[in-house]
């Protein structure tokens, strides 16, 4: 019975992709690779109930997953998913993507930091033609704030020989609107980088899988 369900789920994935799956269904399929020949649907429900969400399960520590009752192999598999996802995005970026507008920049940055639960501040480094050079997270904060220093921002831009940069930070609380502090920081950093010949293209705010552009709101 379990194998028949697994095959149905695989066929559905091959037909539809993952976007229409419920969180417990996506987790159920991941668990197939660590727990053979058993029904993983009930376990997926229990994990999401306990850790709060699909990403909450993947971001749980290996120790907490083992305490929940998972084997070390199963805990390791779940722990690896976010890291491998970031590795994929970095590999994908190595194809030198081009960012002609805020939509392309925003979508890329949502993929990079959209699942993080603590606030981070990052810099997307670009060429004069807005081609990708590198993306670096230069500050990691608590659930509510990230400390950013002009020196770190300048060092990142110069180290990557960037002609243009895009700032990004996430709001784990869900708001896409830039705060007064966000606007002041952007203004100060833009003036500092402009003085050394580096143009700030945009400051993207990411929250709940969406993004907003300060440039589009005429704040840069």
N, C-alpha and C. Protein backbone atom coordinates (compact mmCIF):
# COMPACT_ATOMS: atom_id res chain seq x y z
N UNK A 1 0.82 -1.21 0.00
CA UNK A 1 0.00 0.00 0.00
C UNK A 1 0.86 1.27 0.00
N UNK A 2 1.91 1.25 0.87
CA UNK A 2 2.79 2.42 0.95
C UNK A 2 3.50 2.65 -0.38
N UNK A 3 3.93 1.56 -1.03
CA UNK A 3 4.66 1.70 -2.29
C UNK A 3 3.75 2.26 -3.39
N UNK A 4 2.49 1.86 -3.38
CA UNK A 4 1.55 2.39 -4.37
C UNK A 4 1.36 3.89 -4.20
N UNK A 5 1.25 4.33 -2.93
CA UNK A 5 1.11 5.77 -2.69
C UNK A 5 2.37 6.51 -3.14
N UNK A 6 3.52 5.93 -2.85
CA UNK A 6 4.77 6.56 -3.27
C UNK A 6 4.81 6.74 -4.79
N UNK A 7 4.39 5.72 -5.50
CA UNK A 7 4.40 5.82 -6.96
C UNK A 7 3.42 6.88 -7.45
N UNK A 8 2.25 6.95 -6.80
CA UNK A 8 1.27 7.98 -7.17
C UNK A 8 1.85 9.37 -6.93
N UNK A 9 2.53 9.54 -5.80
CA UNK A 9 3.12 10.83 -5.48
C UNK A 9 4.23 11.19 -6.47
N UNK A 10 5.04 10.21 -6.83
CA UNK A 10 6.11 10.47 -7.81
C UNK A 10 5.50 10.87 -9.16
N UNK A 11 4.48 10.13 -9.59
CA UNK A 11 3.83 10.44 -10.86
C UNK A 11 3.23 11.84 -10.85
N UNK A 12 2.63 12.19 -9.72
CA UNK A 12 2.07 13.54 -9.58
C UNK A 12 3.17 14.59 -9.67
N UNK A 13 4.30 14.31 -9.02
CA UNK A 13 5.42 15.25 -9.08
C UNK A 13 5.93 15.39 -10.51
N UNK A 14 6.06 14.26 -11.22
CA UNK A 14 6.55 14.31 -12.60
C UNK A 14 5.59 15.10 -13.49
N UNK A 15 4.31 15.06 -13.17
CA UNK A 15 3.30 15.73 -13.99
C UNK A 15 3.14 17.20 -13.62
N UNK A 16 3.09 17.48 -12.32
CA UNK A 16 2.75 18.83 -11.85
C UNK A 16 3.95 19.64 -11.35
N UNK A 17 5.05 18.96 -10.99
CA UNK A 17 6.10 19.65 -10.25
C UNK A 17 5.71 19.75 -8.78
N UNK A 18 6.46 20.52 -8.01
CA UNK A 18 6.27 20.56 -6.57
C UNK A 18 5.33 21.66 -6.11
N UNK A 19 5.03 22.64 -6.99
CA UNK A 19 4.37 23.86 -6.55
C UNK A 19 2.97 23.64 -5.97
N UNK A 20 2.27 22.58 -6.41
CA UNK A 20 0.91 22.35 -5.91
C UNK A 20 0.85 21.40 -4.71
N UNK A 21 1.99 20.98 -4.23
CA UNK A 21 2.02 20.06 -3.09
C UNK A 21 1.79 20.83 -1.79
N UNK A 22 1.05 20.20 -0.88
CA UNK A 22 0.95 20.73 0.47
C UNK A 22 2.29 20.51 1.18
N UNK A 23 2.60 21.33 2.21
CA UNK A 23 3.88 21.17 2.90
C UNK A 23 4.15 19.75 3.39
N UNK A 24 3.12 19.10 3.95
CA UNK A 24 3.34 17.75 4.47
C UNK A 24 3.59 16.76 3.34
N UNK A 25 3.04 17.04 2.14
CA UNK A 25 3.27 16.14 1.01
C UNK A 25 4.69 16.27 0.49
N UNK A 26 5.19 17.51 0.43
CA UNK A 26 6.58 17.71 0.00
C UNK A 26 7.54 17.04 0.98
N UNK A 27 7.27 17.19 2.28
CA UNK A 27 8.13 16.57 3.29
C UNK A 27 8.01 15.05 3.22
N UNK A 28 6.82 14.57 3.01
CA UNK A 28 6.61 13.12 2.87
C UNK A 28 7.50 12.54 1.79
N UNK A 29 7.58 13.25 0.64
CA UNK A 29 8.40 12.75 -0.46
C UNK A 29 9.89 12.79 -0.12
N UNK A 30 10.34 13.83 0.56
CA UNK A 30 11.74 13.87 0.98
C UNK A 30 12.08 12.67 1.87
N UNK A 31 11.16 12.34 2.73
CA UNK A 31 11.40 11.24 3.68
C UNK A 31 11.48 9.88 2.99
N UNK A 32 10.94 9.78 1.78
CA UNK A 32 11.04 8.52 1.03
C UNK A 32 12.50 8.05 0.93
N UNK A 33 13.42 9.02 0.79
CA UNK A 33 14.81 8.69 0.50
C UNK A 33 15.58 8.24 1.74
N UNK A 34 15.00 8.45 2.91
CA UNK A 34 15.66 8.01 4.14
C UNK A 34 14.91 6.88 4.82
N UNK A 35 13.62 6.74 4.49
CA UNK A 35 12.79 5.73 5.16
C UNK A 35 12.13 4.87 4.08
N UNK A 36 12.78 3.81 3.63
CA UNK A 36 12.23 2.98 2.55
C UNK A 36 11.07 2.10 3.02
N UNK A 37 10.14 1.88 2.10
CA UNK A 37 9.07 0.89 2.27
C UNK A 37 8.16 1.14 3.47
N UNK A 38 8.07 2.38 3.93
CA UNK A 38 7.14 2.70 5.02
C UNK A 38 6.34 3.94 4.66
N UNK A 39 5.17 4.05 5.25
CA UNK A 39 4.33 5.22 5.04
C UNK A 39 4.94 6.40 5.79
N UNK A 40 5.30 7.46 5.08
CA UNK A 40 5.91 8.63 5.72
C UNK A 40 4.94 9.80 5.82
N UNK A 41 3.71 9.61 5.40
CA UNK A 41 2.73 10.70 5.42
C UNK A 41 2.42 11.15 6.85
N UNK A 42 2.15 10.20 7.72
CA UNK A 42 1.82 10.55 9.11
C UNK A 42 3.00 11.21 9.80
N UNK A 43 4.22 10.71 9.52
CA UNK A 43 5.41 11.31 10.12
C UNK A 43 5.59 12.74 9.65
N UNK A 44 5.34 13.00 8.36
CA UNK A 44 5.47 14.36 7.83
C UNK A 44 4.51 15.30 8.54
N UNK A 45 3.27 14.86 8.77
CA UNK A 45 2.29 15.67 9.50
C UNK A 45 2.80 15.99 10.91
N UNK A 46 3.30 14.98 11.59
CA UNK A 46 3.76 15.17 12.96
C UNK A 46 4.96 16.13 13.03
N UNK A 47 5.88 16.00 12.08
CA UNK A 47 7.04 16.89 12.07
C UNK A 47 6.64 18.34 11.86
N UNK A 48 5.73 18.58 10.92
CA UNK A 48 5.30 19.96 10.65
C UNK A 48 4.50 20.51 11.82
N UNK A 49 3.68 19.68 12.44
CA UNK A 49 2.94 20.13 13.64
C UNK A 49 3.92 20.51 14.75
N UNK A 50 4.98 19.73 14.89
CA UNK A 50 5.92 19.96 15.99
C UNK A 50 6.83 21.16 15.74
N UNK A 51 7.36 21.28 14.51
CA UNK A 51 8.33 22.33 14.22
C UNK A 51 7.70 23.56 13.56
N UNK A 52 6.41 23.49 13.26
CA UNK A 52 5.68 24.68 12.84
C UNK A 52 5.49 24.91 11.37
N UNK A 53 6.34 24.36 10.52
CA UNK A 53 6.25 24.60 9.08
C UNK A 53 7.22 23.68 8.36
N UNK A 54 7.11 23.65 7.03
CA UNK A 54 8.04 22.88 6.22
C UNK A 54 9.47 23.37 6.45
N UNK A 55 9.68 24.70 6.35
CA UNK A 55 11.05 25.20 6.53
C UNK A 55 11.50 25.06 7.98
N UNK A 56 10.54 25.07 8.93
CA UNK A 56 10.91 24.86 10.32
C UNK A 56 11.50 23.48 10.55
N UNK A 57 10.99 22.48 9.85
CA UNK A 57 11.54 21.12 9.95
C UNK A 57 12.96 21.09 9.39
N UNK A 58 13.14 21.71 8.21
CA UNK A 58 14.45 21.66 7.56
C UNK A 58 15.50 22.48 8.32
N UNK A 59 15.05 23.48 9.06
CA UNK A 59 15.99 24.33 9.80
C UNK A 59 16.20 23.85 11.24
N UNK A 60 15.46 22.82 11.65
CA UNK A 60 15.66 22.28 13.00
C UNK A 60 17.04 21.64 13.10
N UNK A 61 17.61 21.68 14.27
CA UNK A 61 18.94 21.09 14.45
C UNK A 61 18.87 19.57 14.34
N UNK A 62 20.00 18.99 13.98
CA UNK A 62 20.07 17.52 13.90
C UNK A 62 19.72 16.91 15.25
N UNK A 63 20.18 17.55 16.32
CA UNK A 63 19.91 17.03 17.67
C UNK A 63 18.42 17.03 17.98
N UNK A 64 17.72 18.12 17.61
CA UNK A 64 16.28 18.21 17.87
C UNK A 64 15.51 17.19 17.04
N UNK A 65 15.95 16.96 15.81
CA UNK A 65 15.27 15.98 14.97
C UNK A 65 15.46 14.57 15.53
N UNK A 66 16.65 14.29 16.03
CA UNK A 66 16.91 12.98 16.63
C UNK A 66 16.11 12.82 17.91
N UNK A 67 16.02 13.89 18.71
CA UNK A 67 15.20 13.85 19.92
C UNK A 67 13.74 13.57 19.60
N UNK A 68 13.29 14.07 18.45
CA UNK A 68 11.91 13.84 18.02
C UNK A 68 11.67 12.37 17.69
N UNK A 69 12.76 11.64 17.40
CA UNK A 69 12.64 10.22 17.12
C UNK A 69 13.15 9.78 15.77
N UNK A 70 13.70 10.73 14.99
CA UNK A 70 14.24 10.36 13.68
C UNK A 70 15.60 9.71 13.83
N UNK A 71 15.94 8.86 12.87
CA UNK A 71 17.27 8.27 12.86
C UNK A 71 18.28 9.35 12.46
N UNK A 72 19.55 9.07 12.68
CA UNK A 72 20.59 10.03 12.32
C UNK A 72 20.61 10.27 10.82
N UNK A 73 20.40 9.22 10.02
CA UNK A 73 20.39 9.38 8.57
C UNK A 73 19.25 10.27 8.11
N UNK A 74 18.06 10.09 8.71
CA UNK A 74 16.91 10.90 8.33
C UNK A 74 17.13 12.35 8.73
N UNK A 75 17.64 12.57 9.94
CA UNK A 75 17.93 13.93 10.40
C UNK A 75 18.96 14.60 9.50
N UNK A 76 19.98 13.84 9.10
CA UNK A 76 21.02 14.40 8.24
C UNK A 76 20.45 14.80 6.88
N UNK A 77 19.58 13.97 6.32
CA UNK A 77 18.97 14.29 5.03
C UNK A 77 18.22 15.61 5.11
N UNK A 78 17.38 15.77 6.14
CA UNK A 78 16.59 17.00 6.26
C UNK A 78 17.49 18.20 6.50
N UNK A 79 18.53 18.04 7.30
CA UNK A 79 19.48 19.13 7.56
C UNK A 79 20.20 19.58 6.31
N UNK A 80 20.43 18.66 5.38
CA UNK A 80 21.21 18.98 4.18
C UNK A 80 20.44 19.80 3.15
N UNK A 81 19.12 19.72 3.18
CA UNK A 81 18.32 20.33 2.11
C UNK A 81 18.59 21.83 1.96
N UNK A 82 18.52 22.65 3.05
CA UNK A 82 18.78 24.10 2.86
C UNK A 82 20.18 24.37 2.31
N UNK A 83 21.18 23.65 2.83
CA UNK A 83 22.54 23.86 2.36
C UNK A 83 22.71 23.51 0.90
N UNK A 84 22.12 22.39 0.49
CA UNK A 84 22.21 21.99 -0.92
C UNK A 84 21.44 22.96 -1.81
N UNK A 85 20.34 23.49 -1.29
CA UNK A 85 19.56 24.47 -2.06
C UNK A 85 20.39 25.72 -2.31
N UNK A 86 21.08 26.22 -1.26
CA UNK A 86 21.96 27.38 -1.44
C UNK A 86 23.11 27.07 -2.39
N UNK A 87 23.64 25.85 -2.28
CA UNK A 87 24.74 25.44 -3.16
C UNK A 87 24.27 25.44 -4.62
N UNK A 88 23.05 24.96 -4.83
CA UNK A 88 22.47 24.97 -6.18
C UNK A 88 22.36 26.39 -6.71
N UNK A 89 21.85 27.31 -5.85
CA UNK A 89 21.67 28.68 -6.29
C UNK A 89 23.02 29.32 -6.64
N UNK A 90 24.05 29.02 -5.85
CA UNK A 90 25.37 29.57 -6.14
C UNK A 90 25.91 29.01 -7.46
N UNK A 91 25.68 27.71 -7.67
CA UNK A 91 26.12 27.08 -8.92
C UNK A 91 25.37 27.68 -10.10
N UNK A 92 24.07 27.90 -9.91
CA UNK A 92 23.24 28.48 -10.96
C UNK A 92 23.72 29.89 -11.28
N UNK A 93 24.09 30.61 -10.24
CA UNK A 93 24.56 31.99 -10.43
C UNK A 93 25.87 32.05 -11.20
N UNK A 94 26.65 30.97 -11.14
CA UNK A 94 27.94 30.97 -11.81
C UNK A 94 27.80 31.02 -13.32
N UNK A 95 26.58 30.86 -13.82
CA UNK A 95 26.33 31.01 -15.25
C UNK A 95 26.27 32.47 -15.68
N UNK A 96 26.65 33.39 -14.81
CA UNK A 96 26.68 34.82 -15.04
C UNK A 96 25.32 35.36 -15.48
N UNK A 97 24.34 35.32 -14.60
CA UNK A 97 23.04 35.90 -14.93
C UNK A 97 23.12 37.41 -15.03
N UNK A 98 22.13 37.97 -15.68
CA UNK A 98 22.05 39.40 -15.91
C UNK A 98 20.82 39.91 -15.16
N UNK A 99 20.95 41.09 -14.53
CA UNK A 99 19.85 41.64 -13.73
C UNK A 99 19.44 43.00 -14.29
N UNK A 100 18.62 43.01 -15.34
CA UNK A 100 18.27 44.28 -15.99
C UNK A 100 17.25 45.12 -15.21
N UNK A 101 16.50 44.48 -14.29
CA UNK A 101 15.44 45.22 -13.60
C UNK A 101 15.26 44.69 -12.18
N UNK A 102 14.38 45.35 -11.43
CA UNK A 102 14.20 44.97 -10.03
C UNK A 102 13.53 43.62 -9.89
N UNK A 103 12.73 43.21 -10.88
CA UNK A 103 12.06 41.91 -10.81
C UNK A 103 13.08 40.77 -10.84
N UNK A 104 14.03 40.85 -11.76
CA UNK A 104 15.05 39.80 -11.84
C UNK A 104 15.92 39.79 -10.59
N UNK A 105 16.25 40.97 -10.06
CA UNK A 105 17.04 41.04 -8.84
C UNK A 105 16.25 40.50 -7.66
N UNK A 106 14.99 40.93 -7.55
CA UNK A 106 14.16 40.52 -6.42
C UNK A 106 13.92 39.02 -6.39
N UNK A 107 13.63 38.44 -7.54
CA UNK A 107 13.39 36.99 -7.59
C UNK A 107 14.63 36.20 -7.19
N UNK A 108 15.78 36.65 -7.66
CA UNK A 108 17.03 35.99 -7.30
C UNK A 108 17.26 36.06 -5.79
N UNK A 109 17.05 37.23 -5.21
CA UNK A 109 17.33 37.43 -3.79
C UNK A 109 16.31 36.73 -2.89
N UNK A 110 15.08 36.62 -3.34
CA UNK A 110 14.09 35.83 -2.59
C UNK A 110 14.56 34.38 -2.50
N UNK A 111 15.08 33.85 -3.60
CA UNK A 111 15.60 32.48 -3.59
C UNK A 111 16.80 32.33 -2.67
N UNK A 112 17.59 33.39 -2.53
CA UNK A 112 18.80 33.29 -1.71
C UNK A 112 18.52 33.40 -0.21
N UNK A 113 17.62 34.31 0.19
CA UNK A 113 17.45 34.53 1.64
C UNK A 113 16.00 34.41 2.11
N UNK A 114 15.10 34.05 1.21
CA UNK A 114 13.68 34.07 1.55
C UNK A 114 13.27 33.13 2.66
N UNK A 115 14.04 32.04 2.87
CA UNK A 115 13.67 31.06 3.89
C UNK A 115 14.36 31.28 5.23
N UNK A 116 15.22 32.28 5.33
CA UNK A 116 15.95 32.51 6.58
C UNK A 116 15.03 33.09 7.65
N UNK A 117 15.23 32.68 8.88
CA UNK A 117 14.37 33.13 9.98
C UNK A 117 14.98 34.27 10.78
N UNK A 118 16.28 34.48 10.67
CA UNK A 118 16.92 35.63 11.31
C UNK A 118 17.19 36.70 10.26
N UNK A 119 17.23 37.95 10.70
CA UNK A 119 17.46 39.03 9.74
C UNK A 119 18.93 39.04 9.30
N UNK A 120 19.13 39.18 7.99
CA UNK A 120 20.47 39.28 7.42
C UNK A 120 20.52 40.46 6.47
N UNK A 121 21.73 40.92 6.21
CA UNK A 121 21.95 41.98 5.23
C UNK A 121 22.98 41.48 4.24
N UNK A 122 22.67 41.58 2.96
CA UNK A 122 23.56 41.07 1.93
C UNK A 122 23.82 42.09 0.84
N UNK A 123 24.85 41.82 0.05
CA UNK A 123 25.23 42.70 -1.06
C UNK A 123 25.37 41.86 -2.32
N UNK A 124 24.61 42.23 -3.34
CA UNK A 124 24.71 41.61 -4.66
C UNK A 124 25.64 42.49 -5.49
N UNK A 125 26.77 41.94 -5.89
CA UNK A 125 27.79 42.70 -6.63
C UNK A 125 27.63 42.46 -8.13
N UNK A 126 27.62 43.55 -8.89
CA UNK A 126 27.36 43.48 -10.33
C UNK A 126 28.42 44.24 -11.12
N UNK A 127 28.51 43.88 -12.40
CA UNK A 127 29.37 44.63 -13.32
C UNK A 127 28.64 45.89 -13.78
N UNK A 128 29.30 46.67 -14.60
CA UNK A 128 28.68 47.87 -15.16
C UNK A 128 27.43 47.51 -15.96
N UNK A 129 27.45 46.33 -16.60
CA UNK A 129 26.29 45.87 -17.40
C UNK A 129 25.27 45.09 -16.56
N UNK A 130 25.44 45.14 -15.23
CA UNK A 130 24.54 44.46 -14.29
C UNK A 130 24.62 42.94 -14.41
N UNK A 131 25.77 42.42 -14.74
CA UNK A 131 25.98 40.98 -14.72
C UNK A 131 26.48 40.56 -13.34
N UNK A 132 26.12 39.35 -12.97
CA UNK A 132 26.44 38.84 -11.64
C UNK A 132 27.95 38.69 -11.44
N UNK A 133 28.41 39.16 -10.29
CA UNK A 133 29.78 38.88 -9.85
C UNK A 133 29.76 37.96 -8.63
N UNK A 134 29.04 38.38 -7.61
CA UNK A 134 28.99 37.58 -6.37
C UNK A 134 27.86 38.09 -5.50
N UNK A 135 27.42 37.23 -4.60
CA UNK A 135 26.47 37.64 -3.57
C UNK A 135 27.03 37.24 -2.22
N UNK A 136 27.07 38.18 -1.29
CA UNK A 136 27.60 37.90 0.04
C UNK A 136 26.65 38.41 1.11
N UNK A 137 26.42 37.57 2.11
CA UNK A 137 25.76 38.02 3.33
C UNK A 137 26.85 38.57 4.24
N UNK A 138 26.74 39.84 4.58
CA UNK A 138 27.83 40.45 5.36
C UNK A 138 27.43 40.71 6.81
N UNK A 139 26.16 40.51 7.13
CA UNK A 139 25.74 40.71 8.52
C UNK A 139 24.58 39.78 8.82
N UNK A 140 24.65 39.12 9.96
CA UNK A 140 23.57 38.25 10.42
C UNK A 140 23.15 38.72 11.80
N UNK A 141 21.84 38.91 11.98
CA UNK A 141 21.35 39.43 13.24
C UNK A 141 20.45 38.45 13.96
N UNK A 142 19.62 38.99 14.82
CA UNK A 142 18.63 38.19 15.54
C UNK A 142 17.40 38.10 14.67
N UNK A 143 16.28 37.73 15.27
CA UNK A 143 15.05 37.66 14.52
C UNK A 143 14.56 39.06 14.12
N UNK A 144 15.09 40.13 14.75
CA UNK A 144 14.58 41.47 14.49
C UNK A 144 15.58 42.44 13.89
N UNK A 145 16.88 42.14 13.92
CA UNK A 145 17.81 43.15 13.43
C UNK A 145 19.12 42.53 12.95
N UNK A 146 19.79 43.28 12.08
CA UNK A 146 21.13 42.90 11.62
C UNK A 146 22.00 44.15 11.66
N UNK A 147 23.20 44.02 12.21
CA UNK A 147 24.09 45.16 12.34
C UNK A 147 24.93 45.28 11.08
N UNK A 148 24.91 46.44 10.45
CA UNK A 148 25.62 46.66 9.19
C UNK A 148 26.61 47.81 9.38
N UNK A 149 27.85 47.59 9.00
CA UNK A 149 28.84 48.66 9.08
C UNK A 149 29.26 49.07 7.67
N UNK A 150 29.43 50.38 7.44
CA UNK A 150 29.88 50.85 6.12
C UNK A 150 31.18 50.20 5.68
N UNK A 151 32.07 49.95 6.64
CA UNK A 151 33.35 49.35 6.27
C UNK A 151 33.16 47.98 5.62
N UNK A 152 32.29 47.14 6.21
CA UNK A 152 32.06 45.81 5.65
C UNK A 152 31.46 45.90 4.25
N UNK A 153 30.55 46.85 4.07
CA UNK A 153 29.91 47.01 2.76
C UNK A 153 30.95 47.44 1.72
N UNK A 154 31.78 48.41 2.07
CA UNK A 154 32.81 48.88 1.14
C UNK A 154 33.81 47.77 0.83
N UNK A 155 34.23 47.03 1.85
CA UNK A 155 35.18 45.93 1.63
C UNK A 155 34.60 44.88 0.70
N UNK A 156 33.32 44.57 0.87
CA UNK A 156 32.67 43.58 0.01
C UNK A 156 32.66 44.05 -1.44
N UNK A 157 32.24 45.30 -1.67
CA UNK A 157 32.17 45.83 -3.03
C UNK A 157 33.55 45.89 -3.68
N UNK A 158 34.55 46.34 -2.94
CA UNK A 158 35.90 46.46 -3.50
C UNK A 158 36.55 45.10 -3.72
N UNK A 159 36.32 44.19 -2.78
CA UNK A 159 36.89 42.84 -2.91
C UNK A 159 36.38 42.15 -4.17
N UNK A 160 35.13 42.42 -4.52
CA UNK A 160 34.52 41.78 -5.70
C UNK A 160 34.64 42.62 -6.96
N UNK A 161 35.34 43.77 -6.85
CA UNK A 161 35.54 44.65 -8.00
C UNK A 161 34.20 45.02 -8.65
N UNK A 162 33.23 45.35 -7.81
CA UNK A 162 31.88 45.66 -8.29
C UNK A 162 31.80 47.09 -8.80
N UNK A 163 31.09 47.28 -9.90
CA UNK A 163 30.77 48.62 -10.39
C UNK A 163 29.42 49.09 -9.85
N UNK A 164 28.54 48.10 -9.63
CA UNK A 164 27.22 48.39 -9.10
C UNK A 164 26.91 47.37 -8.00
N UNK A 165 26.08 47.77 -7.05
CA UNK A 165 25.66 46.84 -5.99
C UNK A 165 24.18 46.97 -5.73
N UNK A 166 23.61 45.91 -5.23
CA UNK A 166 22.22 45.90 -4.75
C UNK A 166 22.26 45.44 -3.30
N UNK A 167 21.67 46.22 -2.41
CA UNK A 167 21.55 45.79 -1.03
C UNK A 167 20.31 44.93 -0.87
N UNK A 168 20.34 44.03 0.08
CA UNK A 168 19.15 43.24 0.39
C UNK A 168 19.13 42.90 1.86
N UNK A 169 17.97 42.94 2.46
CA UNK A 169 17.80 42.36 3.79
C UNK A 169 16.39 41.82 3.90
N UNK A 170 16.21 40.92 4.85
CA UNK A 170 14.91 40.29 5.01
C UNK A 170 14.22 40.82 6.26
N UNK A 171 12.90 40.75 6.24
CA UNK A 171 12.08 41.09 7.39
C UNK A 171 11.34 39.82 7.82
N UNK A 172 11.90 39.04 8.75
CA UNK A 172 11.23 37.81 9.18
C UNK A 172 9.82 38.05 9.72
N UNK A 173 9.56 39.27 10.19
CA UNK A 173 8.23 39.58 10.70
C UNK A 173 7.17 39.69 9.62
N UNK A 174 7.59 39.85 8.35
CA UNK A 174 6.63 39.82 7.25
C UNK A 174 6.41 41.13 6.53
N UNK A 175 6.86 42.27 7.09
CA UNK A 175 6.61 43.57 6.45
C UNK A 175 7.57 43.79 5.28
N UNK A 176 7.00 44.28 4.18
CA UNK A 176 7.83 44.60 3.01
C UNK A 176 8.18 46.09 2.96
N UNK A 177 7.65 46.87 3.89
CA UNK A 177 7.88 48.32 3.84
C UNK A 177 9.18 48.68 4.54
N UNK A 178 10.04 49.49 3.89
CA UNK A 178 11.30 49.88 4.53
C UNK A 178 11.06 50.81 5.72
N UNK A 179 11.75 50.54 6.80
CA UNK A 179 11.63 51.37 8.00
C UNK A 179 12.43 52.65 7.81
N UNK A 180 12.28 53.59 8.75
CA UNK A 180 13.06 54.81 8.71
C UNK A 180 14.55 54.49 8.81
N UNK A 181 14.89 53.48 9.63
CA UNK A 181 16.29 53.05 9.76
C UNK A 181 16.81 52.48 8.44
N UNK A 182 15.95 51.71 7.73
CA UNK A 182 16.35 51.15 6.43
C UNK A 182 16.66 52.26 5.44
N UNK A 183 15.82 53.29 5.43
CA UNK A 183 16.01 54.39 4.48
C UNK A 183 17.27 55.20 4.81
N UNK A 184 17.49 55.44 6.11
CA UNK A 184 18.69 56.19 6.50
C UNK A 184 19.96 55.41 6.18
N UNK A 185 19.95 54.10 6.49
CA UNK A 185 21.11 53.25 6.19
C UNK A 185 21.41 53.26 4.69
N UNK A 186 20.37 53.12 3.89
CA UNK A 186 20.55 53.09 2.43
C UNK A 186 21.15 54.39 1.93
N UNK A 187 20.65 55.50 2.44
CA UNK A 187 21.15 56.81 2.03
C UNK A 187 22.63 56.96 2.40
N UNK A 188 22.97 56.59 3.63
CA UNK A 188 24.36 56.73 4.08
C UNK A 188 25.31 55.83 3.29
N UNK A 189 24.89 54.58 3.07
CA UNK A 189 25.74 53.65 2.33
C UNK A 189 25.89 54.07 0.87
N UNK A 190 24.81 54.60 0.30
CA UNK A 190 24.86 55.04 -1.10
C UNK A 190 25.83 56.18 -1.28
N UNK A 191 25.81 57.15 -0.35
CA UNK A 191 26.74 58.28 -0.43
C UNK A 191 28.19 57.80 -0.27
N UNK A 192 28.39 56.88 0.65
CA UNK A 192 29.74 56.37 0.88
C UNK A 192 30.27 55.65 -0.35
N UNK A 193 29.46 54.78 -0.95
CA UNK A 193 29.92 54.03 -2.12
C UNK A 193 30.06 54.93 -3.34
N UNK A 194 29.18 55.92 -3.47
CA UNK A 194 29.28 56.85 -4.59
C UNK A 194 30.61 57.60 -4.55
N UNK A 195 31.11 57.84 -3.35
CA UNK A 195 32.38 58.58 -3.21
C UNK A 195 33.57 57.78 -3.72
N UNK A 196 33.40 56.45 -3.85
CA UNK A 196 34.49 55.62 -4.39
C UNK A 196 34.11 55.02 -5.75
N UNK A 197 33.09 55.62 -6.38
CA UNK A 197 32.75 55.26 -7.75
C UNK A 197 31.92 54.01 -7.92
N UNK A 198 31.18 53.61 -6.88
CA UNK A 198 30.32 52.42 -6.97
C UNK A 198 28.87 52.85 -6.83
N UNK A 199 28.05 52.43 -7.78
CA UNK A 199 26.65 52.85 -7.84
C UNK A 199 25.75 51.85 -7.12
N UNK A 200 24.88 52.36 -6.24
CA UNK A 200 23.87 51.53 -5.58
C UNK A 200 22.62 51.52 -6.45
N UNK A 201 22.30 50.36 -7.00
CA UNK A 201 21.18 50.22 -7.93
C UNK A 201 19.85 50.15 -7.19
N UNK A 202 19.82 49.41 -6.08
CA UNK A 202 18.55 49.18 -5.39
C UNK A 202 18.81 48.64 -3.99
N UNK A 203 17.79 48.68 -3.18
CA UNK A 203 17.78 47.99 -1.89
C UNK A 203 16.50 47.18 -1.85
N UNK A 204 16.64 45.87 -1.87
CA UNK A 204 15.51 44.94 -1.91
C UNK A 204 15.20 44.45 -0.50
N UNK A 205 13.92 44.45 -0.16
CA UNK A 205 13.48 43.88 1.11
C UNK A 205 12.69 42.61 0.82
N UNK A 206 13.04 41.53 1.50
CA UNK A 206 12.42 40.22 1.28
C UNK A 206 11.62 39.82 2.52
N UNK A 207 10.41 39.32 2.28
CA UNK A 207 9.57 38.84 3.38
C UNK A 207 8.51 37.89 2.83
N UNK A 208 8.36 36.75 3.48
CA UNK A 208 7.31 35.78 3.14
C UNK A 208 7.28 35.42 1.65
N UNK A 209 8.46 35.20 1.08
CA UNK A 209 8.53 34.77 -0.31
C UNK A 209 8.25 35.87 -1.32
N UNK A 210 8.18 37.13 -0.86
CA UNK A 210 7.93 38.27 -1.75
C UNK A 210 9.05 39.30 -1.55
N UNK A 211 9.03 40.35 -2.36
CA UNK A 211 10.05 41.38 -2.21
C UNK A 211 9.47 42.74 -2.56
N UNK A 212 10.11 43.77 -2.05
CA UNK A 212 9.82 45.14 -2.47
C UNK A 212 11.12 45.84 -2.82
N UNK A 213 11.02 46.82 -3.70
CA UNK A 213 12.19 47.54 -4.21
C UNK A 213 12.13 48.98 -3.73
N UNK A 214 13.16 49.44 -3.05
CA UNK A 214 13.23 50.83 -2.63
C UNK A 214 13.41 51.75 -3.83
N UNK A 215 14.08 51.25 -4.86
CA UNK A 215 14.23 52.06 -6.08
C UNK A 215 12.89 52.31 -6.74
N UNK A 216 12.06 51.28 -6.80
CA UNK A 216 10.73 51.45 -7.41
C UNK A 216 9.86 52.40 -6.60
N UNK A 217 10.15 52.53 -5.31
CA UNK A 217 9.39 53.43 -4.45
C UNK A 217 10.04 54.82 -4.37
N UNK A 218 11.01 55.06 -5.28
CA UNK A 218 11.71 56.34 -5.35
C UNK A 218 12.39 56.70 -4.04
N UNK A 219 12.94 55.70 -3.35
CA UNK A 219 13.66 55.92 -2.10
C UNK A 219 15.17 55.89 -2.31
N UNK A 220 15.59 55.65 -3.54
CA UNK A 220 17.03 55.68 -3.88
C UNK A 220 17.23 56.66 -5.04
